[in-house]
C-alpha atoms as a PDB file:
ATOM      1  CA  MET A   1      94.153 -44.751 -31.804  1.00  0.00           C
ATOM      2  CA  ALA A   2      90.407 -45.473 -31.970  1.00  0.00           C
ATOM      3  CA  SER A   3      90.323 -48.613 -30.095  1.00  0.00           C
ATOM      4  CA  LYS A   4      91.147 -46.977 -26.906  1.00  0.00           C
ATOM      5  CA  TYR A   5      87.884 -45.153 -27.019  1.00  0.00           C
ATOM      6  CA  GLY A   6      85.511 -47.899 -28.529  1.00  0.00           C
ATOM      7  CA  THR A   7      85.011 -50.989 -30.353  1.00  0.00           C
ATOM      8  CA  ILE A   8      86.169 -50.355 -34.031  1.00  0.00           C
ATOM      9  CA  ALA A   9      83.195 -52.624 -35.337  1.00  0.00           C
ATOM     10  CA  HIS A  10      80.963 -49.932 -33.978  1.00  0.00           C
ATOM     11  CA  LEU A  11      82.080 -47.749 -36.913  1.00  0.00           C
ATOM     12  CA  LEU A  12      80.641 -50.023 -39.449  1.00  0.00           C
ATOM     13  CA  ASN A  13      76.995 -49.377 -40.770  1.00  0.00           C
ATOM     14  CA  PRO A  14      75.024 -52.204 -42.258  1.00  0.00           C
ATOM     15  CA  ASN A  15      75.954 -51.477 -45.950  1.00  0.00           C
ATOM     16  CA  TYR A  16      78.992 -53.692 -45.448  1.00  0.00           C
ATOM     17  CA  LYS A  17      76.671 -56.717 -45.552  1.00  0.00           C
ATOM     18  CA  THR A  18      75.641 -56.144 -48.896  1.00  0.00           C
ATOM     19  CA  ASP A  19      79.201 -56.380 -49.766  1.00  0.00           C
ATOM     20  CA  VAL A  20      79.702 -59.907 -48.200  1.00  0.00           C
ATOM     21  CA  THR A  21      76.646 -61.040 -50.177  1.00  0.00           C
ATOM     22  CA  ARG A  22      78.394 -60.064 -53.393  1.00  0.00           C
ATOM     23  CA  TRP A  23      81.626 -61.920 -52.435  1.00  0.00           C
ATOM     24  CA  LEU A  24      79.661 -64.986 -51.739  1.00  0.00           C
ATOM     25  CA  ALA A  25      77.809 -64.666 -55.093  1.00  0.00           C
ATOM     26  CA  GLU A  26      81.159 -64.035 -56.770  1.00  0.00           C
ATOM     27  CA  ASP A  27      82.358 -67.420 -55.148  1.00  0.00           C
ATOM     28  CA  CYS A  28      79.284 -69.537 -56.082  1.00  0.00           C
ATOM     29  CA  PRO A  29      77.216 -68.033 -58.918  1.00  0.00           C
ATOM     30  CA  THR A  30      75.215 -71.154 -59.476  1.00  0.00           C
ATOM     31  CA  PHE A  31      75.578 -74.688 -58.238  1.00  0.00           C
ATOM     32  CA  ASP A  32      77.787 -75.909 -55.249  1.00  0.00           C
ATOM     33  CA  TYR A  33      78.801 -79.246 -56.426  1.00  0.00           C
ATOM     34  CA  GLY A  34      81.227 -79.845 -53.707  1.00  0.00           C
ATOM     35  CA  GLY A  35      78.497 -78.972 -51.265  1.00  0.00           C
ATOM     36  CA  PHE A  36      76.055 -81.583 -52.819  1.00  0.00           C
ATOM     37  CA  VAL A  37      78.750 -84.109 -51.726  1.00  0.00           C
ATOM     38  CA  VAL A  38      78.936 -83.101 -48.034  1.00  0.00           C
ATOM     39  CA  GLY A  39      75.234 -82.345 -47.447  1.00  0.00           C
ATOM     40  CA  GLU A  40      73.978 -80.392 -44.559  1.00  0.00           C
ATOM     41  CA  ASP A  41      74.637 -82.480 -41.444  1.00  0.00           C
ATOM     42  CA  PRO A  42      75.569 -80.099 -38.629  1.00  0.00           C
ATOM     43  CA  GLY A  43      79.389 -79.718 -38.317  1.00  0.00           C
ATOM     44  CA  GLU A  44      82.263 -77.827 -36.641  1.00  0.00           C
ATOM     45  CA  ALA A  45      85.633 -76.491 -38.033  1.00  0.00           C
ATOM     46  CA  LYS A  46      88.603 -75.025 -36.265  1.00  0.00           C
ATOM     47  CA  LEU A  47      89.783 -71.745 -37.496  1.00  0.00           C
ATOM     48  CA  LEU A  48      93.796 -71.848 -37.492  1.00  0.00           C
ATOM     49  CA  GLY A  49      96.175 -69.150 -37.471  1.00  0.00           C
ATOM     50  CA  LYS A  50      99.182 -70.445 -38.995  1.00  0.00           C
ATOM     51  CA  SER A  51     101.538 -67.581 -39.384  1.00  0.00           C
ATOM     52  CA  SER A  52     102.306 -64.529 -37.234  1.00  0.00           C
ATOM     53  CA  GLY A  53     100.154 -61.296 -37.508  1.00  0.00           C
ATOM     54  CA  MET A  54      97.196 -59.186 -36.102  1.00  0.00           C
ATOM     55  CA  LEU A  55      93.847 -60.612 -35.995  1.00  0.00           C
ATOM     56  CA  ALA A  56      91.384 -58.285 -38.085  1.00  0.00           C
ATOM     57  CA  GLY A  57      88.312 -58.355 -40.183  1.00  0.00           C
ATOM     58  CA  VAL A  58      86.424 -60.218 -37.634  1.00  0.00           C
ATOM     59  CA  PRO A  59      82.962 -58.698 -38.342  1.00  0.00           C
ATOM     60  CA  PHE A  60      82.984 -59.645 -42.277  1.00  0.00           C
ATOM     61  CA  PHE A  61      84.107 -63.109 -41.244  1.00  0.00           C
ATOM     62  CA  ASP A  62      81.282 -63.198 -39.037  1.00  0.00           C
ATOM     63  CA  GLU A  63      78.781 -61.821 -41.648  1.00  0.00           C
ATOM     64  CA  VAL A  64      79.759 -64.419 -44.211  1.00  0.00           C
ATOM     65  CA  PHE A  65      78.731 -67.389 -42.007  1.00  0.00           C
ATOM     66  CA  ARG A  66      75.875 -65.688 -40.414  1.00  0.00           C
ATOM     67  CA  GLN A  67      74.382 -65.295 -44.200  1.00  0.00           C
ATOM     68  CA  LEU A  68      74.889 -69.055 -44.194  1.00  0.00           C
ATOM     69  CA  ASP A  69      73.221 -69.953 -40.994  1.00  0.00           C
ATOM     70  CA  CYS A  70      76.239 -70.656 -39.125  1.00  0.00           C
ATOM     71  CA  THR A  71      77.892 -69.563 -35.831  1.00  0.00           C
ATOM     72  CA  VAL A  72      81.411 -68.304 -34.930  1.00  0.00           C
ATOM     73  CA  GLU A  73      82.790 -68.440 -31.479  1.00  0.00           C
ATOM     74  CA  TRP A  74      86.081 -66.460 -31.247  1.00  0.00           C
ATOM     75  CA  HIS A  75      88.859 -67.544 -28.852  1.00  0.00           C
ATOM     76  CA  PHE A  76      90.864 -64.197 -29.208  1.00  0.00           C
ATOM     77  CA  PRO A  77      89.837 -60.650 -29.612  1.00  0.00           C
ATOM     78  CA  GLU A  78      90.109 -58.664 -32.646  1.00  0.00           C
ATOM     79  CA  GLY A  79      93.548 -56.786 -32.334  1.00  0.00           C
ATOM     80  CA  HIS A  80      95.227 -59.862 -30.815  1.00  0.00           C
ATOM     81  CA  THR A  81      98.664 -60.787 -32.138  1.00  0.00           C
ATOM     82  CA  ILE A  82      98.547 -64.256 -33.226  1.00  0.00           C
ATOM     83  CA  THR A  83     101.521 -66.738 -32.458  1.00  0.00           C
ATOM     84  CA  PRO A  84     101.255 -69.722 -34.921  1.00  0.00           C
ATOM     85  CA  ILE A  85      99.837 -72.146 -34.805  1.00  0.00           C
ATOM     86  CA  ALA A  86      96.743 -70.741 -32.728  1.00  0.00           C
ATOM     87  CA  HIS A  87      93.113 -71.919 -32.641  1.00  0.00           C
ATOM     88  CA  VAL A  88      91.556 -68.824 -33.377  1.00  0.00           C
ATOM     89  CA  ALA A  89      87.813 -69.449 -33.590  1.00  0.00           C
ATOM     90  CA  THR A  90      85.381 -72.235 -34.084  1.00  0.00           C
ATOM     91  CA  VAL A  91      82.697 -72.192 -36.832  1.00  0.00           C
ATOM     92  CA  ARG A  92      79.531 -74.423 -36.331  1.00  0.00           C
ATOM     93  CA  GLY A  93      76.543 -74.959 -38.701  1.00  0.00           C
ATOM     94  CA  PRO A  94      75.438 -77.245 -41.547  1.00  0.00           C
ATOM     95  CA  MET A  95      78.545 -78.881 -43.085  1.00  0.00           C
ATOM     96  CA  ARG A  96      77.707 -77.786 -46.652  1.00  0.00           C
ATOM     97  CA  LYS A  97      77.440 -74.158 -45.763  1.00  0.00           C
ATOM     98  CA  ILE A  98      80.715 -74.270 -43.656  1.00  0.00           C
ATOM     99  CA  LEU A  99      82.638 -75.104 -46.692  1.00  0.00           C
ATOM    100  CA  LEU A 100      80.415 -72.722 -48.819  1.00  0.00           C
ATOM    101  CA  GLY A 101      81.875 -70.081 -46.835  1.00  0.00           C
ATOM    102  CA  GLU A 102      85.199 -71.025 -46.325  1.00  0.00           C
ATOM    103  CA  ARG A 103      87.179 -69.482 -48.955  1.00  0.00           C
ATOM    104  CA  VAL A 104      85.574 -66.138 -49.003  1.00  0.00           C
ATOM    105  CA  ALA A 105      85.519 -65.811 -45.174  1.00  0.00           C
ATOM    106  CA  LEU A 106      89.974 -66.883 -45.251  1.00  0.00           C
ATOM    107  CA  ASN A 107      90.431 -64.658 -48.089  1.00  0.00           C
ATOM    108  CA  THR A 108      88.754 -61.560 -46.525  1.00  0.00           C
ATOM    109  CA  LEU A 109      90.364 -62.422 -42.900  1.00  0.00           C
ATOM    110  CA  ALA A 110      94.135 -63.084 -44.336  1.00  0.00           C
ATOM    111  CA  ARG A 111      94.099 -59.941 -45.980  1.00  0.00           C
ATOM    112  CA  CYS A 112      92.583 -57.696 -43.275  1.00  0.00           C
ATOM    113  CA  SER A 113      95.197 -59.303 -40.650  1.00  0.00           C
ATOM    114  CA  GLY A 114      97.689 -58.660 -42.935  1.00  0.00           C
ATOM    115  CA  ILE A 115      97.163 -54.958 -43.424  1.00  0.00           C
ATOM    116  CA  ALA A 116      96.609 -54.688 -39.540  1.00  0.00           C
ATOM    117  CA  ALA A 117      99.787 -56.368 -38.824  1.00  0.00           C
ATOM    118  CA  ALA A 118     101.886 -54.260 -41.315  1.00  0.00           C
ATOM    119  CA  THR A 119      99.868 -51.013 -39.823  1.00  0.00           C
ATOM    120  CA  SER A 120     100.899 -51.888 -36.479  1.00  0.00           C
ATOM    121  CA  HIS A 121     104.417 -52.457 -37.024  1.00  0.00           C
ATOM    122  CA  LEU A 122     105.026 -49.149 -38.740  1.00  0.00           C
ATOM    123  CA  LYS A 123     103.174 -47.383 -36.379  1.00  0.00           C
ATOM    124  CA  ALA A 124     105.167 -48.764 -33.712  1.00  0.00           C
ATOM    125  CA  ILE A 125     108.347 -47.722 -35.506  1.00  0.00           C
ATOM    126  CA  LEU A 126     107.132 -44.155 -36.253  1.00  0.00           C
ATOM    127  CA  GLU A 127     106.017 -43.694 -32.335  1.00  0.00           C
ATOM    128  CA  SER A 128     109.559 -44.531 -31.506  1.00  0.00           C
ATOM    129  CA  HIS A 129     110.704 -41.499 -33.468  1.00  0.00           C
ATOM    130  CA  SER A 130     108.034 -39.226 -33.366  1.00  0.00           C
ATOM    131  CA  PRO A 131     105.309 -40.014 -30.820  1.00  0.00           C
ATOM    132  CA  THR A 132     103.095 -37.048 -31.835  1.00  0.00           C
ATOM    133  CA  THR A 133     102.993 -37.752 -35.581  1.00  0.00           C
ATOM    134  CA  ALA A 134      99.966 -39.718 -36.830  1.00  0.00           C
ATOM    135  CA  LEU A 135     100.274 -42.331 -39.410  1.00  0.00           C
ATOM    136  CA  ALA A 136      97.722 -42.642 -42.204  1.00  0.00           C
ATOM    137  CA  GLY A 137      96.653 -44.885 -45.064  1.00  0.00           C
ATOM    138  CA  THR A 138      95.767 -43.672 -48.367  1.00  0.00           C
ATOM    139  CA  ARG A 139      93.199 -43.863 -51.038  1.00  0.00           C
ATOM    140  CA  LYS A 140      95.031 -46.634 -52.916  1.00  0.00           C
ATOM    141  CA  THR A 141      92.863 -49.373 -51.717  1.00  0.00           C
ATOM    142  CA  THR A 142      91.238 -52.381 -53.876  1.00  0.00           C
ATOM    143  CA  PRO A 143      87.960 -51.555 -55.836  1.00  0.00           C
ATOM    144  CA  GLY A 144      85.215 -52.921 -53.982  1.00  0.00           C
ATOM    145  CA  PHE A 145      87.252 -53.970 -50.678  1.00  0.00           C
ATOM    146  CA  ARG A 146      87.866 -50.315 -49.462  1.00  0.00           C
ATOM    147  CA  ILE A 147      85.594 -50.859 -46.370  1.00  0.00           C
ATOM    148  CA  ALA A 148      87.608 -53.961 -45.216  1.00  0.00           C
ATOM    149  CA  GLU A 149      90.835 -52.359 -45.813  1.00  0.00           C
ATOM    150  CA  LYS A 150      90.137 -49.101 -44.116  1.00  0.00           C
ATOM    151  CA  TYR A 151      88.748 -50.899 -41.465  1.00  0.00           C
ATOM    152  CA  SER A 152      91.974 -53.039 -40.967  1.00  0.00           C
ATOM    153  CA  ILE A 153      94.061 -49.771 -40.785  1.00  0.00           C
ATOM    154  CA  LEU A 154      92.085 -48.611 -37.877  1.00  0.00           C
ATOM    155  CA  VAL A 155      92.263 -52.108 -36.208  1.00  0.00           C
ATOM    156  CA  GLY A 156      96.341 -51.839 -36.575  1.00  0.00           C
ATOM    157  CA  GLY A 157      96.009 -48.521 -34.803  1.00  0.00           C
ATOM    158  CA  ALA A 158      96.549 -45.955 -37.632  1.00  0.00           C
ATOM    159  CA  ASP A 159      94.449 -43.043 -38.975  1.00  0.00           C
ATOM    160  CA  GLN A 160      92.295 -44.223 -42.243  1.00  0.00           C
ATOM    161  CA  HIS A 161      93.153 -40.577 -43.943  1.00  0.00           C
ATOM    162  CA  ARG A 162      90.269 -39.511 -46.187  1.00  0.00           C
ATOM    163  CA  TYR A 163      87.737 -42.599 -46.894  1.00  0.00           C
ATOM    164  CA  ASP A 164      86.702 -41.186 -50.391  1.00  0.00           C
ATOM    165  CA  LEU A 165      86.658 -38.195 -52.589  1.00  0.00           C
ATOM    166  CA  SER A 166      83.699 -36.753 -50.508  1.00  0.00           C
ATOM    167  CA  ALA A 167      85.643 -36.623 -47.388  1.00  0.00           C
ATOM    168  CA  MET A 168      88.116 -34.254 -47.771  1.00  0.00           C
ATOM    169  CA  THR A 169      89.284 -32.184 -50.694  1.00  0.00           C
ATOM    170  CA  MET A 170      92.899 -33.254 -51.655  1.00  0.00           C
ATOM    171  CA  LEU A 171      94.229 -30.759 -54.534  1.00  0.00           C
ATOM    172  CA  LYS A 172      96.864 -33.142 -56.076  1.00  0.00           C
ATOM    173  CA  ASP A 173      99.574 -31.702 -58.791  1.00  0.00           C
ATOM    174  CA  ASN A 174      97.030 -32.641 -61.360  1.00  0.00           C
ATOM    175  CA  HIS A 175      94.199 -30.294 -60.150  1.00  0.00           C
ATOM    176  CA  ILE A 176      96.860 -27.295 -59.685  1.00  0.00           C
ATOM    177  CA  TRP A 177      98.047 -27.877 -63.299  1.00  0.00           C
ATOM    178  CA  ALA A 178      94.457 -28.201 -64.587  1.00  0.00           C
ATOM    179  CA  ARG A 179      93.851 -24.964 -62.857  1.00  0.00           C
ATOM    180  CA  GLY A 180      96.795 -23.204 -64.823  1.00  0.00           C
ATOM    181  CA  GLY A 181      99.271 -23.736 -62.083  1.00  0.00           C
ATOM    182  CA  ASP A 182      97.576 -21.067 -59.668  1.00  0.00           C
ATOM    183  CA  ILE A 183      97.182 -22.729 -56.163  1.00  0.00           C
ATOM    184  CA  ARG A 184      95.449 -19.908 -54.509  1.00  0.00           C
ATOM    185  CA  ALA A 185      92.756 -20.176 -57.327  1.00  0.00           C
ATOM    186  CA  ALA A 186      92.498 -23.755 -56.874  1.00  0.00           C
ATOM    187  CA  VAL A 187      92.250 -23.502 -53.001  1.00  0.00           C
ATOM    188  CA  THR A 188      89.617 -20.695 -53.232  1.00  0.00           C
ATOM    189  CA  ALA A 189      87.511 -22.604 -55.575  1.00  0.00           C
ATOM    190  CA  ALA A 190      87.766 -25.801 -52.802  1.00  0.00           C
ATOM    191  CA  LYS A 191      86.789 -23.773 -49.883  1.00  0.00           C
ATOM    192  CA  ALA A 192      83.954 -21.995 -51.973  1.00  0.00           C
ATOM    193  CA  ALA A 193      82.615 -25.676 -52.944  1.00  0.00           C
ATOM    194  CA  GLY A 194      83.235 -27.525 -49.422  1.00  0.00           C
ATOM    195  CA  GLY A 195      82.554 -24.695 -47.075  1.00  0.00           C
ATOM    196  CA  PHE A 196      83.535 -25.012 -43.556  1.00  0.00           C
ATOM    197  CA  ALA A 197      82.997 -28.464 -43.118  1.00  0.00           C
ATOM    198  CA  ILE A 198      85.388 -29.875 -45.700  1.00  0.00           C
ATOM    199  CA  LYS A 199      89.227 -29.712 -45.057  1.00  0.00           C
ATOM    200  CA  VAL A 200      91.584 -28.923 -47.830  1.00  0.00           C
ATOM    201  CA  ASP A 201      94.929 -30.946 -48.252  1.00  0.00           C
ATOM    202  CA  VAL A 202      97.311 -29.502 -51.016  1.00  0.00           C
ATOM    203  CA  GLU A 203     100.044 -31.492 -52.381  1.00  0.00           C
ATOM    204  CA  CYS A 204     103.223 -29.420 -52.650  1.00  0.00           C
ATOM    205  CA  GLN A 205     106.320 -30.307 -54.521  1.00  0.00           C
ATOM    206  CA  SER A 206     108.346 -27.484 -52.671  1.00  0.00           C
ATOM    207  CA  GLU A 207     108.491 -25.390 -49.821  1.00  0.00           C
ATOM    208  CA  GLU A 208     107.402 -22.265 -51.512  1.00  0.00           C
ATOM    209  CA  GLU A 209     104.251 -24.321 -53.010  1.00  0.00           C
ATOM    210  CA  ALA A 210     103.518 -25.191 -49.362  1.00  0.00           C
ATOM    211  CA  SER A 211     103.903 -21.470 -48.187  1.00  0.00           C
ATOM    212  CA  GLU A 212     101.327 -20.497 -51.242  1.00  0.00           C
ATOM    213  CA  ALA A 213      98.952 -23.005 -50.058  1.00  0.00           C
ATOM    214  CA  ILE A 214      99.066 -21.971 -46.478  1.00  0.00           C
ATOM    215  CA  GLU A 215      98.664 -18.174 -47.394  1.00  0.00           C
ATOM    216  CA  ALA A 216      95.745 -19.393 -49.653  1.00  0.00           C
ATOM    217  CA  GLY A 217      93.915 -21.015 -46.404  1.00  0.00           C
ATOM    218  CA  ALA A 218      95.011 -24.885 -46.924  1.00  0.00           C
ATOM    219  CA  ASP A 219      94.068 -27.026 -44.006  1.00  0.00           C
ATOM    220  CA  VAL A 220      96.694 -29.415 -44.579  1.00  0.00           C
ATOM    221  CA  VAL A 221      99.905 -29.248 -46.835  1.00  0.00           C
ATOM    222  CA  MET A 222     101.427 -32.457 -47.946  1.00  0.00           C
ATOM    223  CA  LEU A 223     105.220 -32.433 -48.802  1.00  0.00           C
ATOM    224  CA  ASP A 224     105.396 -35.051 -51.407  1.00  0.00           C
ATOM    225  CA  ASN A 225     108.280 -36.880 -52.289  1.00  0.00           C
ATOM    226  CA  PHE A 226     110.893 -34.757 -50.466  1.00  0.00           C
ATOM    227  CA  SER A 227     113.986 -36.145 -49.094  1.00  0.00           C
ATOM    228  CA  ALA A 228     114.163 -36.734 -45.537  1.00  0.00           C
ATOM    229  CA  GLU A 229     116.345 -33.777 -44.904  1.00  0.00           C
ATOM    230  CA  GLY A 230     114.249 -31.690 -47.146  1.00  0.00           C
ATOM    231  CA  VAL A 231     111.216 -32.819 -45.082  1.00  0.00           C
ATOM    232  CA  LYS A 232     112.738 -31.664 -41.788  1.00  0.00           C
ATOM    233  CA  VAL A 233     114.038 -28.119 -43.075  1.00  0.00           C
ATOM    234  CA  ALA A 234     110.781 -27.488 -44.739  1.00  0.00           C
ATOM    235  CA  SER A 235     108.647 -28.467 -42.179  1.00  0.00           C
ATOM    236  CA  ARG A 236     110.469 -26.444 -39.343  1.00  0.00           C
ATOM    237  CA  SER A 237     110.714 -23.427 -41.614  1.00  0.00           C
ATOM    238  CA  LEU A 238     106.914 -23.551 -42.002  1.00  0.00           C
ATOM    239  CA  LYS A 239     106.031 -23.990 -38.506  1.00  0.00           C
ATOM    240  CA  GLU A 240     108.259 -21.198 -37.408  1.00  0.00           C
ATOM    241  CA  ARG A 241     106.986 -18.630 -40.092  1.00  0.00           C
ATOM    242  CA  TYR A 242     103.729 -19.143 -39.527  1.00  0.00           C
ATOM    243  CA  LYS A 243     103.541 -19.627 -35.650  1.00  0.00           C
ATOM    244  CA  GLY A 244     100.591 -17.703 -34.380  1.00  0.00           C
ATOM    245  CA  LYS A 245      99.586 -16.550 -37.788  1.00  0.00           C
ATOM    246  CA  ARG A 246      98.022 -19.596 -39.733  1.00  0.00           C
ATOM    247  CA  GLU A 247      96.577 -22.969 -38.151  1.00  0.00           C
ATOM    248  CA  PHE A 248      97.474 -25.881 -40.547  1.00  0.00           C
ATOM    249  CA  LEU A 249      98.947 -29.425 -40.692  1.00  0.00           C
ATOM    250  CA  ILE A 250     102.017 -30.741 -42.445  1.00  0.00           C
ATOM    251  CA  GLU A 251     101.719 -34.156 -44.121  1.00  0.00           C
ATOM    252  CA  VAL A 252     104.433 -36.112 -45.477  1.00  0.00           C
ATOM    253  CA  SER A 253     104.064 -38.703 -48.174  1.00  0.00           C
ATOM    254  CA  GLY A 254     105.877 -40.659 -50.881  1.00  0.00           C
ATOM    255  CA  GLY A 255     107.738 -43.857 -50.784  1.00  0.00           C
ATOM    256  CA  LEU A 256     107.544 -44.481 -46.843  1.00  0.00           C
ATOM    257  CA  THR A 257     108.540 -47.909 -45.471  1.00  0.00           C
ATOM    258  CA  PRO A 258     109.624 -49.551 -42.121  1.00  0.00           C
ATOM    259  CA  GLU A 259     113.006 -49.020 -43.365  1.00  0.00           C
ATOM    260  CA  ASN A 260     112.949 -45.378 -43.737  1.00  0.00           C
ATOM    261  CA  VAL A 261     109.694 -43.934 -41.913  1.00  0.00           C
ATOM    262  CA  GLY A 262     112.133 -42.853 -38.788  1.00  0.00           C
ATOM    263  CA  MET A 263     114.437 -40.642 -41.080  1.00  0.00           C
ATOM    264  CA  TYR A 264     111.096 -38.617 -42.116  1.00  0.00           C
ATOM    265  CA  ALA A 265     109.855 -38.317 -38.568  1.00  0.00           C
ATOM    266  CA  CYS A 266     110.094 -35.166 -36.562  1.00  0.00           C
ATOM    267  CA  ALA A 267     108.072 -33.046 -34.272  1.00  0.00           C
ATOM    268  CA  GLU A 268     106.986 -30.629 -36.793  1.00  0.00           C
ATOM    269  CA  VAL A 269     105.430 -33.369 -38.913  1.00  0.00           C
ATOM    270  CA  ASP A 270     101.774 -33.859 -38.026  1.00  0.00           C
ATOM    271  CA  ILE A 271     101.114 -36.869 -40.284  1.00  0.00           C
ATOM    272  CA  LEU A 272     103.072 -39.416 -42.466  1.00  0.00           C
ATOM    273  CA  SER A 273     100.824 -41.090 -44.956  1.00  0.00           C
ATOM    274  CA  THR A 274     101.490 -44.216 -47.118  1.00  0.00           C
ATOM    275  CA  SER A 275      99.927 -47.002 -49.235  1.00  0.00           C
ATOM    276  CA  SER A 276     102.664 -49.251 -47.784  1.00  0.00           C
ATOM    277  CA  ILE A 277     100.415 -50.462 -44.973  1.00  0.00           C
ATOM    278  CA  HIS A 278      97.896 -51.695 -47.317  1.00  0.00           C
ATOM    279  CA  GLN A 279      99.169 -52.250 -50.776  1.00  0.00           C
ATOM    280  CA  GLY A 280     101.315 -55.485 -51.371  1.00  0.00           C
ATOM    281  CA  VAL A 281     101.183 -56.429 -47.649  1.00  0.00           C
ATOM    282  CA  LYS A 282     101.839 -60.153 -46.682  1.00  0.00           C
ATOM    283  CA  HIS A 283      98.795 -61.852 -45.857  1.00  0.00           C
ATOM    284  CA  VAL A 284      98.432 -63.756 -42.589  1.00  0.00           C
ATOM    285  CA  ASP A 285      97.857 -67.712 -43.377  1.00  0.00           C
ATOM    286  CA  PHE A 286      94.725 -68.905 -41.966  1.00  0.00           C
ATOM    287  CA  SER A 287      92.865 -72.503 -42.531  1.00  0.00           C
ATOM    288  CA  LEU A 288      89.775 -73.824 -41.549  1.00  0.00           C
ATOM    289  CA  LYS A 289      89.665 -77.568 -40.862  1.00  0.00           C
ATOM    290  CA  ILE A 290      86.678 -79.703 -40.210  1.00  0.00           C
ATOM    291  CA  VAL A 291      86.546 -81.343 -36.942  1.00  0.00           C
ATOM    292  CA  HIS A 292      86.239 -85.159 -37.460  1.00  0.00           C
END
């Protein structure tokens, strides 16, 4: 868990601020008619957490209001478990600008906190069955919002997996089929392109395919859409067969949820990857109320 060794926000480079600028422009592309009504007298608003969850997305919330000349005082740290109704933060600044940033800031915080909460929940279940198995998200993120979603996975205590296509080579079934079904040829080509710095992860539909990928030099073999029993049989067999001969990680993916993750967990599986911690998660309910 990255948060044990530092502040997650320190991973962010300044580029995320341009995303925030774009989000604000999307919400108010021309005139701020409601803002005209309230003007720019100084004001204060309370951020209220109205449902249970894990606080995440603080840097994005802060940046929304920084760009609007407002300040944010947090009353809980990022990663804190929210018990409703909680006074989570106080926003101060020109009244018009508080309201101008309200919806963008709330939407971002609600989604980030929902992802962190779902991640933390699944991570706790997995750890109770197999403490050494890592939980990872996937690249199935919302276009234009990946940085915030990957960030929230880290706050929730999981691994973000590869951030993008340039971070690791993942050879899925389509890649293998496009290469004529030749796993060795696909892995060899990937290794030649990425060199020593880029790992190669191969999606496998059977233990035989996983063995072929390991023999070809894959760094990670993904057992995709195996049954729970199939995962345990294949992972143990592969680890025993290549013990002391090859170094590789076993990843399991496909349909993992809080209800079934324990069935797939075992010491031989290094990584469980799932999009269930960031796709379709329930958002945490926040509201921003002007103090009057």
